[in-house]
Amino acid sequence: MFYRLSGYGLFAGFGWLAYDAFQRKDSLDVKIFVVLALLYNPFIGLPIHNLIQVIINIIVIIGMILNILFSQENPYEDYTKKDDR
């Protein structure tokens, strides 16, 4: 049950992050988050061996921690503001 709920949460979260990256016009982030959303898709399971799935999960967790540690304070602050020059 927890695995199923976490799959829905991850799918929705990565989908939202992909949409947000699309709004910021950051194509690399869009690609990464779309791949992760498809990987954690709870509707259609991918036939991935458990060991490979654990390795993927560890890589994603490390990537998310590094992203949080090395991100700017607020990367979304200026992407909607117009340049008044």
C-alpha atoms as a PDB file:
ATOM      1  CA  MET A   1       0.000   0.000   0.000  1.00  0.00           C
ATOM      2  CA  PHE A   2       2.804   2.463   0.894  1.00  0.00           C
ATOM      3  CA  TYR A   3       4.648   1.646  -2.332  1.00  0.00           C
ATOM      4  CA  ARG A   4       1.523   2.414  -4.342  1.00  0.00           C
ATOM      5  CA  LEU A   5       0.904   5.727  -2.559  1.00  0.00           C
ATOM      6  CA  SER A   6       4.543   6.775  -2.881  1.00  0.00           C
ATOM      7  CA  GLY A   7       4.376   5.961  -6.606  1.00  0.00           C
ATOM      8  CA  TYR A   8       1.428   8.334  -7.047  1.00  0.00           C
ATOM      9  CA  GLY A   9       3.198  11.020  -5.029  1.00  0.00           C
ATOM     10  CA  LEU A  10       6.465  10.698  -6.949  1.00  0.00           C
ATOM     11  CA  PHE A  11       4.663  10.654 -10.300  1.00  0.00           C
ATOM     12  CA  ALA A  12       2.691  13.802  -9.423  1.00  0.00           C
ATOM     13  CA  GLY A  13       5.726  15.539  -7.918  1.00  0.00           C
ATOM     14  CA  PHE A  14       8.039  14.875 -10.844  1.00  0.00           C
ATOM     15  CA  GLY A  15       5.240  15.840 -13.238  1.00  0.00           C
ATOM     16  CA  TRP A  16       4.834  19.162 -11.429  1.00  0.00           C
ATOM     17  CA  LEU A  17       8.599  19.743 -11.442  1.00  0.00           C
ATOM     18  CA  ALA A  18       8.687  19.027 -15.195  1.00  0.00           C
ATOM     19  CA  TYR A  19       5.881  21.529 -15.772  1.00  0.00           C
ATOM     20  CA  ASP A  20       7.633  24.108 -13.598  1.00  0.00           C
ATOM     21  CA  ALA A  21      10.926  23.595 -15.455  1.00  0.00           C
ATOM     22  CA  PHE A  22       9.023  23.969 -18.733  1.00  0.00           C
ATOM     23  CA  GLN A  23       7.640  27.305 -17.523  1.00  0.00           C
ATOM     24  CA  ARG A  24      11.195  28.399 -16.638  1.00  0.00           C
ATOM     25  CA  LYS A  25      12.371  27.258 -20.121  1.00  0.00           C
ATOM     26  CA  ASP A  26      14.967  24.892 -18.637  1.00  0.00           C
ATOM     27  CA  SER A  27      14.989  22.051 -21.170  1.00  0.00           C
ATOM     28  CA  LEU A  28      17.507  19.849 -19.335  1.00  0.00           C
ATOM     29  CA  ASP A  29      15.403  19.840 -16.168  1.00  0.00           C
ATOM     30  CA  VAL A  30      12.266  19.117 -18.201  1.00  0.00           C
ATOM     31  CA  LYS A  31      13.898  16.051 -19.730  1.00  0.00           C
ATOM     32  CA  ILE A  32      15.198  14.794 -16.386  1.00  0.00           C
ATOM     33  CA  PHE A  33      11.865  15.207 -14.598  1.00  0.00           C
ATOM     34  CA  VAL A  34       9.845  13.652 -17.439  1.00  0.00           C
ATOM     35  CA  VAL A  35      12.118  10.588 -17.422  1.00  0.00           C
ATOM     36  CA  LEU A  36      11.783  10.342 -13.634  1.00  0.00           C
ATOM     37  CA  ALA A  37       7.998  10.736 -13.830  1.00  0.00           C
ATOM     38  CA  LEU A  38       7.843   7.919 -16.384  1.00  0.00           C
ATOM     39  CA  LEU A  39      10.196   5.784 -14.307  1.00  0.00           C
ATOM     40  CA  TYR A  40       8.044   6.152 -11.182  1.00  0.00           C
ATOM     41  CA  ASN A  41       4.775   5.849 -13.118  1.00  0.00           C
ATOM     42  CA  PRO A  42       2.323   3.894 -10.907  1.00  0.00           C
ATOM     43  CA  PHE A  43      -0.125   3.151 -13.718  1.00  0.00           C
ATOM     44  CA  ILE A  44       2.121   1.076 -15.974  1.00  0.00           C
ATOM     45  CA  GLY A  45       4.839  -0.832 -14.176  1.00  0.00           C
ATOM     46  CA  LEU A  46       8.198  -1.171 -15.864  1.00  0.00           C
ATOM     47  CA  PRO A  47       9.779  -4.634 -15.767  1.00  0.00           C
ATOM     48  CA  ILE A  48      12.913  -3.633 -13.848  1.00  0.00           C
ATOM     49  CA  HIS A  49      14.795  -6.049 -11.607  1.00  0.00           C
ATOM     50  CA  ASN A  50      14.659  -5.150  -7.893  1.00  0.00           C
ATOM     51  CA  LEU A  51      18.417  -4.578  -7.601  1.00  0.00           C
ATOM     52  CA  ILE A  52      18.401  -2.156 -10.536  1.00  0.00           C
ATOM     53  CA  GLN A  53      15.387  -0.362  -9.033  1.00  0.00           C
ATOM     54  CA  VAL A  54      17.226   0.051  -5.725  1.00  0.00           C
ATOM     55  CA  ILE A  55      20.280   1.459  -7.514  1.00  0.00           C
ATOM     56  CA  ILE A  56      18.065   3.905  -9.434  1.00  0.00           C
ATOM     57  CA  ASN A  57      16.350   4.960  -6.197  1.00  0.00           C
ATOM     58  CA  ILE A  58      19.705   5.597  -4.491  1.00  0.00           C
ATOM     59  CA  ILE A  59      20.932   7.682  -7.461  1.00  0.00           C
ATOM     60  CA  VAL A  60      17.708   9.726  -7.472  1.00  0.00           C
ATOM     61  CA  ILE A  61      17.894  10.308  -3.704  1.00  0.00           C
ATOM     62  CA  ILE A  62      21.544  11.423  -3.921  1.00  0.00           C
ATOM     63  CA  GLY A  63      20.697  13.697  -6.862  1.00  0.00           C
ATOM     64  CA  MET A  64      17.803  15.282  -4.979  1.00  0.00           C
ATOM     65  CA  ILE A  65      19.948  15.867  -1.883  1.00  0.00           C
ATOM     66  CA  LEU A  66      22.728  17.432  -3.968  1.00  0.00           C
ATOM     67  CA  ASN A  67      20.178  19.587  -5.762  1.00  0.00           C
ATOM     68  CA  ILE A  68      18.845  20.872  -2.443  1.00  0.00           C
ATOM     69  CA  LEU A  69      22.314  21.487  -1.008  1.00  0.00           C
ATOM     70  CA  PHE A  70      23.740  23.304  -4.028  1.00  0.00           C
ATOM     71  CA  SER A  71      20.662  25.133  -5.304  1.00  0.00           C
ATOM     72  CA  GLN A  72      20.330  28.865  -5.263  1.00  0.00           C
ATOM     73  CA  GLU A  73      18.223  30.442  -2.526  1.00  0.00           C
ATOM     74  CA  ASN A  74      15.192  30.986  -4.730  1.00  0.00           C
ATOM     75  CA  PRO A  75      15.711  29.961  -8.360  1.00  0.00           C
ATOM     76  CA  TYR A  76      12.080  30.808  -9.232  1.00  0.00           C
ATOM     77  CA  GLU A  77      12.187  34.419  -8.097  1.00  0.00           C
ATOM     78  CA  ASP A  78      12.876  36.236 -11.383  1.00  0.00           C
ATOM     79  CA  TYR A  79      11.564  33.977 -14.140  1.00  0.00           C
ATOM     80  CA  THR A  80       8.124  35.672 -14.280  1.00  0.00           C
ATOM     81  CA  LYS A  81       9.364  39.257 -13.981  1.00  0.00           C
ATOM     82  CA  LYS A  82       9.957  41.284 -17.099  1.00  0.00           C
ATOM     83  CA  ASP A  83      13.273  43.000 -17.697  1.00  0.00           C
ATOM     84  CA  ASP A  84      12.643  46.749 -17.389  1.00  0.00           C
ATOM     85  CA  ARG A  85      15.621  48.040 -19.356  1.00  0.00           C
END
